[in-house]
């Protein structure tokens, strides 16, 4: 990556990227796509369990919640 960006004094050398960070970003991006993709599918793509996805990425799911809209829709029924 450093060769691709041509590290100079203006383009600092890229450090600290690991396979773990790429995996985390991949999963987080998938979670932001819910409900277009299920937790079950995300877990399958990661080779992990749905429980792990929920435990680690629950903060992403909570960010996506729209409680006021859901309650308003339920009341409108």
PDB file of N, CA and C in Angstrom:
ATOM      1  N   UNK A   1       0.814  -1.178   0.000  1.00  0.00           N
ATOM      2  CA  UNK A   1       0.000   0.000   0.000  1.00  0.00           C
ATOM      3  C   UNK A   1       0.864   1.250   0.000  1.00  0.00           C
ATOM      4  N   UNK A   2       1.957   1.184   0.746  1.00  0.00           N
ATOM      5  CA  UNK A   2       2.822   2.357   0.787  1.00  0.00           C
ATOM      6  C   UNK A   2       3.424   2.649  -0.579  1.00  0.00           C
ATOM      7  N   UNK A   3       3.768   1.609  -1.326  1.00  0.00           N
ATOM      8  CA  UNK A   3       4.303   1.814  -2.670  1.00  0.00           C
ATOM      9  C   UNK A   3       3.235   2.413  -3.573  1.00  0.00           C
ATOM     10  N   UNK A   4       1.988   1.977  -3.397  1.00  0.00           N
ATOM     11  CA  UNK A   4       0.893   2.469  -4.232  1.00  0.00           C
ATOM     12  C   UNK A   4       0.604   3.945  -3.991  1.00  0.00           C
ATOM     13  N   UNK A   5       0.703   4.384  -2.755  1.00  0.00           N
ATOM     14  CA  UNK A   5       0.439   5.796  -2.466  1.00  0.00           C
ATOM     15  C   UNK A   5       1.674   6.666  -2.624  1.00  0.00           C
ATOM     16  N   UNK A   6       2.835   6.028  -2.815  1.00  0.00           N
ATOM     17  CA  UNK A   6       4.064   6.788  -2.992  1.00  0.00           C
ATOM     18  C   UNK A   6       4.387   7.625  -1.763  1.00  0.00           C
ATOM     19  N   UNK A   7       4.654   6.966  -0.652  1.00  0.00           N
ATOM     20  CA  UNK A   7       4.910   7.665   0.600  1.00  0.00           C
ATOM     21  C   UNK A   7       5.934   8.773   0.425  1.00  0.00           C
ATOM     22  N   UNK A   8       5.530   9.962   0.807  1.00  0.00           N
ATOM     23  CA  UNK A   8       6.400  11.136   0.774  1.00  0.00           C
ATOM     24  C   UNK A   8       6.179  11.895   2.067  1.00  0.00           C
ATOM     25  N   UNK A   9       6.775  13.045   2.167  1.00  0.00           N
ATOM     26  CA  UNK A   9       6.539  13.841   3.366  1.00  0.00           C
ATOM     27  C   UNK A   9       5.084  14.308   3.439  1.00  0.00           C
ATOM     28  N   UNK A  10       4.406  14.364   2.294  1.00  0.00           N
ATOM     29  CA  UNK A  10       2.999  14.777   2.259  1.00  0.00           C
ATOM     30  C   UNK A  10       2.052  13.585   2.405  1.00  0.00           C
ATOM     31  N   UNK A  11       2.448  12.433   1.902  1.00  0.00           N
ATOM     32  CA  UNK A  11       1.688  11.187   2.058  1.00  0.00           C
ATOM     33  C   UNK A  11       2.430  10.334   3.065  1.00  0.00           C
ATOM     34  N   UNK A  12       1.950  10.321   4.297  1.00  0.00           N
ATOM     35  CA  UNK A  12       2.644   9.577   5.331  1.00  0.00           C
ATOM     36  C   UNK A  12       2.511   8.078   5.110  1.00  0.00           C
ATOM     37  N   UNK A  13       3.519   7.362   5.588  1.00  0.00           N
ATOM     38  CA  UNK A  13       3.537   5.911   5.484  1.00  0.00           C
ATOM     39  C   UNK A  13       2.353   5.314   6.232  1.00  0.00           C
ATOM     40  N   UNK A  14       1.702   4.330   5.611  1.00  0.00           N
ATOM     41  CA  UNK A  14       0.561   3.646   6.220  1.00  0.00           C
ATOM     42  C   UNK A  14       1.093   2.597   7.191  1.00  0.00           C
ATOM     43  N   UNK A  15       0.614   2.662   8.432  1.00  0.00           N
ATOM     44  CA  UNK A  15       1.048   1.697   9.452  1.00  0.00           C
ATOM     45  C   UNK A  15      -0.166   1.209  10.225  1.00  0.00           C
ATOM     46  N   UNK A  16      -0.003   0.118  10.905  1.00  0.00           N
ATOM     47  CA  UNK A  16      -1.018  -0.372  11.827  1.00  0.00           C
ATOM     48  C   UNK A  16      -2.173  -1.141  11.214  1.00  0.00           C
ATOM     49  N   UNK A  17      -2.174  -1.324   9.912  1.00  0.00           N
ATOM     50  CA  UNK A  17      -3.261  -2.094   9.306  1.00  0.00           C
ATOM     51  C   UNK A  17      -2.955  -3.583   9.417  1.00  0.00           C
ATOM     52  N   UNK A  18      -3.932  -4.308   9.895  1.00  0.00           N
ATOM     53  CA  UNK A  18      -3.766  -5.752  10.061  1.00  0.00           C
ATOM     54  C   UNK A  18      -4.975  -6.461   9.446  1.00  0.00           C
ATOM     55  N   UNK A  19      -4.860  -7.754   9.313  1.00  0.00           N
ATOM     56  CA  UNK A  19      -5.981  -8.544   8.818  1.00  0.00           C
ATOM     57  C   UNK A  19      -7.178  -8.391   9.757  1.00  0.00           C
ATOM     58  N   UNK A  20      -6.922  -8.273  11.050  1.00  0.00           N
ATOM     59  CA  UNK A  20      -7.994  -8.102  12.026  1.00  0.00           C
ATOM     60  C   UNK A  20      -8.757  -6.799  11.773  1.00  0.00           C
ATOM     61  N   UNK A  21      -8.058  -5.739  11.478  1.00  0.00           N
ATOM     62  CA  UNK A  21      -8.698  -4.448  11.202  1.00  0.00           C
ATOM     63  C   UNK A  21      -9.533  -4.527   9.932  1.00  0.00           C
ATOM     64  N   UNK A  22      -8.999  -5.171   8.894  1.00  0.00           N
ATOM     65  CA  UNK A  22      -9.774  -5.330   7.661  1.00  0.00           C
ATOM     66  C   UNK A  22     -11.033  -6.158   7.920  1.00  0.00           C
ATOM     67  N   UNK A  23     -10.924  -7.212   8.717  1.00  0.00           N
ATOM     68  CA  UNK A  23     -12.080  -8.052   9.051  1.00  0.00           C
ATOM     69  C   UNK A  23     -13.116  -7.237   9.810  1.00  0.00           C
ATOM     70  N   UNK A  24     -12.664  -6.453  10.781  1.00  0.00           N
ATOM     71  CA  UNK A  24     -13.567  -5.631  11.575  1.00  0.00           C
ATOM     72  C   UNK A  24     -14.308  -4.625  10.681  1.00  0.00           C
ATOM     73  N   UNK A  25     -13.584  -3.957   9.805  1.00  0.00           N
ATOM     74  CA  UNK A  25     -14.208  -2.986   8.905  1.00  0.00           C
ATOM     75  C   UNK A  25     -15.215  -3.663   7.973  1.00  0.00           C
ATOM     76  N   UNK A  26     -14.861  -4.825   7.473  1.00  0.00           N
ATOM     77  CA  UNK A  26     -15.747  -5.591   6.589  1.00  0.00           C
ATOM     78  C   UNK A  26     -17.041  -5.916   7.307  1.00  0.00           C
ATOM     79  N   UNK A  27     -16.951  -6.441   8.521  1.00  0.00           N
ATOM     80  CA  UNK A  27     -18.135  -6.818   9.275  1.00  0.00           C
ATOM     81  C   UNK A  27     -18.964  -5.589   9.645  1.00  0.00           C
ATOM     82  N   UNK A  28     -18.311  -4.539  10.096  1.00  0.00           N
ATOM     83  CA  UNK A  28     -19.044  -3.319  10.452  1.00  0.00           C
ATOM     84  C   UNK A  28     -19.798  -2.779   9.246  1.00  0.00           C
ATOM     85  N   UNK A  29     -19.157  -2.758   8.082  1.00  0.00           N
ATOM     86  CA  UNK A  29     -19.830  -2.285   6.869  1.00  0.00           C
ATOM     87  C   UNK A  29     -21.016  -3.166   6.508  1.00  0.00           C
ATOM     88  N   UNK A  30     -20.889  -4.471   6.695  1.00  0.00           N
ATOM     89  CA  UNK A  30     -22.016  -5.363   6.451  1.00  0.00           C
ATOM     90  C   UNK A  30     -23.159  -5.067   7.422  1.00  0.00           C
ATOM     91  N   UNK A  31     -22.821  -4.837   8.685  1.00  0.00           N
ATOM     92  CA  UNK A  31     -23.853  -4.548   9.685  1.00  0.00           C
ATOM     93  C   UNK A  31     -24.606  -3.263   9.351  1.00  0.00           C
ATOM     94  N   UNK A  32     -23.913  -2.296   8.790  1.00  0.00           N
ATOM     95  CA  UNK A  32     -24.583  -1.051   8.404  1.00  0.00           C
ATOM     96  C   UNK A  32     -25.547  -1.269   7.240  1.00  0.00           C
ATOM     97  N   UNK A  33     -25.444  -2.398   6.559  1.00  0.00           N
ATOM     98  CA  UNK A  33     -26.332  -2.699   5.435  1.00  0.00           C
ATOM     99  C   UNK A  33     -27.612  -3.412   5.866  1.00  0.00           C
ATOM    100  N   UNK A  34     -27.741  -3.697   7.148  1.00  0.00           N
ATOM    101  CA  UNK A  34     -28.953  -4.361   7.620  1.00  0.00           C
ATOM    102  C   UNK A  34     -30.123  -3.410   7.447  1.00  0.00           C
ATOM    103  N   UNK A  35     -31.285  -3.807   7.109  1.00  0.00           N
ATOM    104  CA  UNK A  35     -31.788  -5.168   7.017  1.00  0.00           C
ATOM    105  C   UNK A  35     -31.605  -5.793   5.635  1.00  0.00           C
ATOM    106  N   UNK A  36     -30.855  -5.164   4.754  1.00  0.00           N
ATOM    107  CA  UNK A  36     -30.649  -5.743   3.422  1.00  0.00           C
ATOM    108  C   UNK A  36     -29.841  -7.034   3.473  1.00  0.00           C
ATOM    109  N   UNK A  37     -29.143  -7.256   4.570  1.00  0.00           N
ATOM    110  CA  UNK A  37     -28.406  -8.495   4.785  1.00  0.00           C
ATOM    111  C   UNK A  37     -28.681  -8.922   6.224  1.00  0.00           C
ATOM    112  N   UNK A  38     -28.846 -10.196   6.439  1.00  0.00           N
ATOM    113  CA  UNK A  38     -29.201 -10.698   7.775  1.00  0.00           C
ATOM    114  C   UNK A  38     -27.959 -10.954   8.621  1.00  0.00           C
ATOM    115  N   UNK A  39     -28.183 -10.990   9.917  1.00  0.00           N
ATOM    116  CA  UNK A  39     -27.100 -11.336  10.845  1.00  0.00           C
ATOM    117  C   UNK A  39     -26.604 -12.746  10.537  1.00  0.00           C
ATOM    118  N   UNK A  40     -27.519 -13.618  10.196  1.00  0.00           N
ATOM    119  CA  UNK A  40     -27.150 -14.995   9.868  1.00  0.00           C
ATOM    120  C   UNK A  40     -26.180 -15.015   8.681  1.00  0.00           C
ATOM    121  N   UNK A  41     -26.461 -14.222   7.648  1.00  0.00           N
ATOM    122  CA  UNK A  41     -25.593 -14.169   6.464  1.00  0.00           C
ATOM    123  C   UNK A  41     -24.239 -13.546   6.820  1.00  0.00           C
ATOM    124  N   UNK A  42     -24.245 -12.486   7.617  1.00  0.00           N
ATOM    125  CA  UNK A  42     -22.995 -11.844   8.026  1.00  0.00           C
ATOM    126  C   UNK A  42     -22.127 -12.848   8.772  1.00  0.00           C
ATOM    127  N   UNK A  43     -22.734 -13.558   9.731  1.00  0.00           N
ATOM    128  CA  UNK A  43     -21.986 -14.568  10.496  1.00  0.00           C
ATOM    129  C   UNK A  43     -21.421 -15.633   9.568  1.00  0.00           C
ATOM    130  N   UNK A  44     -22.216 -16.041   8.602  1.00  0.00           N
ATOM    131  CA  UNK A  44     -21.765 -17.055   7.648  1.00  0.00           C
ATOM    132  C   UNK A  44     -20.572 -16.554   6.835  1.00  0.00           C
ATOM    133  N   UNK A  45     -20.644 -15.316   6.373  1.00  0.00           N
ATOM    134  CA  UNK A  45     -19.542 -14.744   5.587  1.00  0.00           C
ATOM    135  C   UNK A  45     -18.255 -14.633   6.400  1.00  0.00           C
ATOM    136  N   UNK A  46     -18.403 -14.412   7.710  1.00  0.00           N
ATOM    137  CA  UNK A  46     -17.235 -14.298   8.585  1.00  0.00           C
ATOM    138  C   UNK A  46     -16.758 -15.644   9.103  1.00  0.00           C
ATOM    139  N   UNK A  47     -17.587 -16.679   8.898  1.00  0.00           N
ATOM    140  CA  UNK A  47     -17.230 -17.994   9.447  1.00  0.00           C
ATOM    141  C   UNK A  47     -17.351 -18.001  10.947  1.00  0.00           C
ATOM    142  N   UNK A  48     -18.320 -17.248  11.460  1.00  0.00           N
ATOM    143  CA  UNK A  48     -18.497 -17.117  12.894  1.00  0.00           C
ATOM    144  C   UNK A  48     -19.953 -17.349  13.262  1.00  0.00           C
ATOM    145  N   UNK A  49     -20.301 -17.092  14.506  1.00  0.00           N
ATOM    146  CA  UNK A  49     -21.665 -17.323  14.963  1.00  0.00           C
ATOM    147  C   UNK A  49     -22.460 -16.020  14.980  1.00  0.00           C
ATOM    148  N   UNK A  50     -23.775 -16.167  14.911  1.00  0.00           N
ATOM    149  CA  UNK A  50     -24.645 -14.997  15.015  1.00  0.00           C
ATOM    150  C   UNK A  50     -24.453 -14.324  16.375  1.00  0.00           C
ATOM    151  N   UNK A  51     -24.231 -15.121  17.408  1.00  0.00           N
ATOM    152  CA  UNK A  51     -24.009 -14.584  18.757  1.00  0.00           C
ATOM    153  C   UNK A  51     -22.800 -13.652  18.782  1.00  0.00           C
ATOM    154  N   UNK A  52     -21.710 -14.049  18.121  1.00  0.00           N
ATOM    155  CA  UNK A  52     -20.519 -13.211  18.088  1.00  0.00           C
ATOM    156  C   UNK A  52     -20.823 -11.892  17.397  1.00  0.00           C
ATOM    157  N   UNK A  53     -21.525 -11.949  16.262  1.00  0.00           N
ATOM    158  CA  UNK A  53     -21.849 -10.719  15.530  1.00  0.00           C
ATOM    159  C   UNK A  53     -22.674  -9.796  16.417  1.00  0.00           C
ATOM    160  N   UNK A  54     -23.661 -10.339  17.084  1.00  0.00           N
ATOM    161  CA  UNK A  54     -24.502  -9.522  17.961  1.00  0.00           C
ATOM    162  C   UNK A  54     -23.721  -8.930  19.125  1.00  0.00           C
ATOM    163  N   UNK A  55     -22.851  -9.733  19.731  1.00  0.00           N
ATOM    164  CA  UNK A  55     -22.090  -9.247  20.885  1.00  0.00           C
ATOM    165  C   UNK A  55     -21.092  -8.158  20.496  1.00  0.00           C
ATOM    166  N   UNK A  56     -20.411  -8.321  19.381  1.00  0.00           N
ATOM    167  CA  UNK A  56     -19.349  -7.397  19.004  1.00  0.00           C
ATOM    168  C   UNK A  56     -19.889  -6.169  18.275  1.00  0.00           C
ATOM    169  N   UNK A  57     -20.926  -6.349  17.471  1.00  0.00           N
ATOM    170  CA  UNK A  57     -21.381  -5.257  16.610  1.00  0.00           C
ATOM    171  C   UNK A  57     -22.744  -4.715  17.004  1.00  0.00           C
ATOM    172  N   UNK A  58     -23.188  -4.989  18.214  1.00  0.00           N
ATOM    173  CA  UNK A  58     -24.479  -4.502  18.666  1.00  0.00           C
ATOM    174  C   UNK A  58     -24.561  -2.978  18.596  1.00  0.00           C
ATOM    175  N   UNK A  59     -23.447  -2.284  18.824  1.00  0.00           N
ATOM    176  CA  UNK A  59     -23.459  -0.819  18.770  1.00  0.00           C
ATOM    177  C   UNK A  59     -23.856  -0.315  17.381  1.00  0.00           C
ATOM    178  N   UNK A  60     -23.465  -1.034  16.341  1.00  0.00           N
ATOM    179  CA  UNK A  60     -23.849  -0.655  14.984  1.00  0.00           C
ATOM    180  C   UNK A  60     -25.354  -0.829  14.804  1.00  0.00           C
ATOM    181  N   UNK A  61     -25.869  -1.933  15.300  1.00  0.00           N
ATOM    182  CA  UNK A  61     -27.297  -2.207  15.174  1.00  0.00           C
ATOM    183  C   UNK A  61     -28.111  -1.165  15.942  1.00  0.00           C
ATOM    184  N   UNK A  62     -27.633  -0.770  17.112  1.00  0.00           N
ATOM    185  CA  UNK A  62     -28.338   0.238  17.897  1.00  0.00           C
ATOM    186  C   UNK A  62     -28.339   1.595  17.187  1.00  0.00           C
ATOM    187  N   UNK A  63     -27.243   1.935  16.513  1.00  0.00           N
ATOM    188  CA  UNK A  63     -27.172   3.188  15.764  1.00  0.00           C
ATOM    189  C   UNK A  63     -28.233   3.232  14.671  1.00  0.00           C
ATOM    190  N   UNK A  64     -28.529   2.081  14.090  1.00  0.00           N
ATOM    191  CA  UNK A  64     -29.477   2.012  12.979  1.00  0.00           C
ATOM    192  C   UNK A  64     -30.935   2.031  13.439  1.00  0.00           C
ATOM    193  N   UNK A  65     -31.157   1.837  14.726  1.00  0.00           N
ATOM    194  CA  UNK A  65     -32.526   1.814  15.222  1.00  0.00           C
ATOM    195  C   UNK A  65     -33.186   3.179  15.043  1.00  0.00           C
ATOM    196  N   UNK A  66     -34.450   3.140  14.732  1.00  0.00           N
ATOM    197  CA  UNK A  66     -35.241   4.357  14.627  1.00  0.00           C
ATOM    198  C   UNK A  66     -36.487   4.140  15.481  1.00  0.00           C
ATOM    199  N   UNK A  67     -36.277   4.199  16.786  1.00  0.00           N
ATOM    200  CA  UNK A  67     -37.315   3.840  17.746  1.00  0.00           C
ATOM    201  C   UNK A  67     -38.550   4.726  17.598  1.00  0.00           C
ATOM    202  N   UNK A  68     -38.341   6.044  17.458  1.00  0.00           N
ATOM    203  CA  UNK A  68     -39.486   6.959  17.357  1.00  0.00           C
ATOM    204  C   UNK A  68     -40.371   6.621  16.158  1.00  0.00           C
ATOM    205  N   UNK A  69     -39.764   6.339  15.034  1.00  0.00           N
ATOM    206  CA  UNK A  69     -40.530   6.017  13.826  1.00  0.00           C
ATOM    207  C   UNK A  69     -41.286   4.696  13.990  1.00  0.00           C
ATOM    208  N   UNK A  70     -40.630   3.708  14.572  1.00  0.00           N
ATOM    209  CA  UNK A  70     -41.267   2.402  14.764  1.00  0.00           C
ATOM    210  C   UNK A  70     -42.468   2.544  15.713  1.00  0.00           C
ATOM    211  N   UNK A  71     -42.298   3.299  16.783  1.00  0.00           N
ATOM    212  CA  UNK A  71     -43.397   3.494  17.737  1.00  0.00           C
ATOM    213  C   UNK A  71     -44.544   4.258  17.066  1.00  0.00           C
ATOM    214  N   UNK A  72     -44.208   5.301  16.317  1.00  0.00           N
ATOM    215  CA  UNK A  72     -45.242   6.080  15.625  1.00  0.00           C
ATOM    216  C   UNK A  72     -46.003   5.210  14.635  1.00  0.00           C
ATOM    217  N   UNK A  73     -45.291   4.362  13.906  1.00  0.00           N
ATOM    218  CA  UNK A  73     -45.943   3.463  12.962  1.00  0.00           C
ATOM    219  C   UNK A  73     -46.841   2.464  13.665  1.00  0.00           C
ATOM    220  N   UNK A  74     -46.404   1.958  14.815  1.00  0.00           N
ATOM    221  CA  UNK A  74     -47.192   0.982  15.575  1.00  0.00           C
ATOM    222  C   UNK A  74     -48.469   1.626  16.115  1.00  0.00           C
ATOM    223  N   UNK A  75     -48.367   2.869  16.557  1.00  0.00           N
ATOM    224  CA  UNK A  75     -49.528   3.577  17.079  1.00  0.00           C
ATOM    225  C   UNK A  75     -50.510   3.886  15.957  1.00  0.00           C
ATOM    226  N   UNK A  76     -49.985   4.199  14.773  1.00  0.00           N
ATOM    227  CA  UNK A  76     -50.831   4.559  13.626  1.00  0.00           C
ATOM    228  C   UNK A  76     -51.665   3.387  13.124  1.00  0.00           C
ATOM    229  N   UNK A  77     -51.245   2.164  13.455  1.00  0.00           N
ATOM    230  CA  UNK A  77     -52.013   1.002  13.001  1.00  0.00           C
ATOM    231  C   UNK A  77     -53.311   1.010  13.685  1.00  0.00           C
TER     232      UNK A  77
END
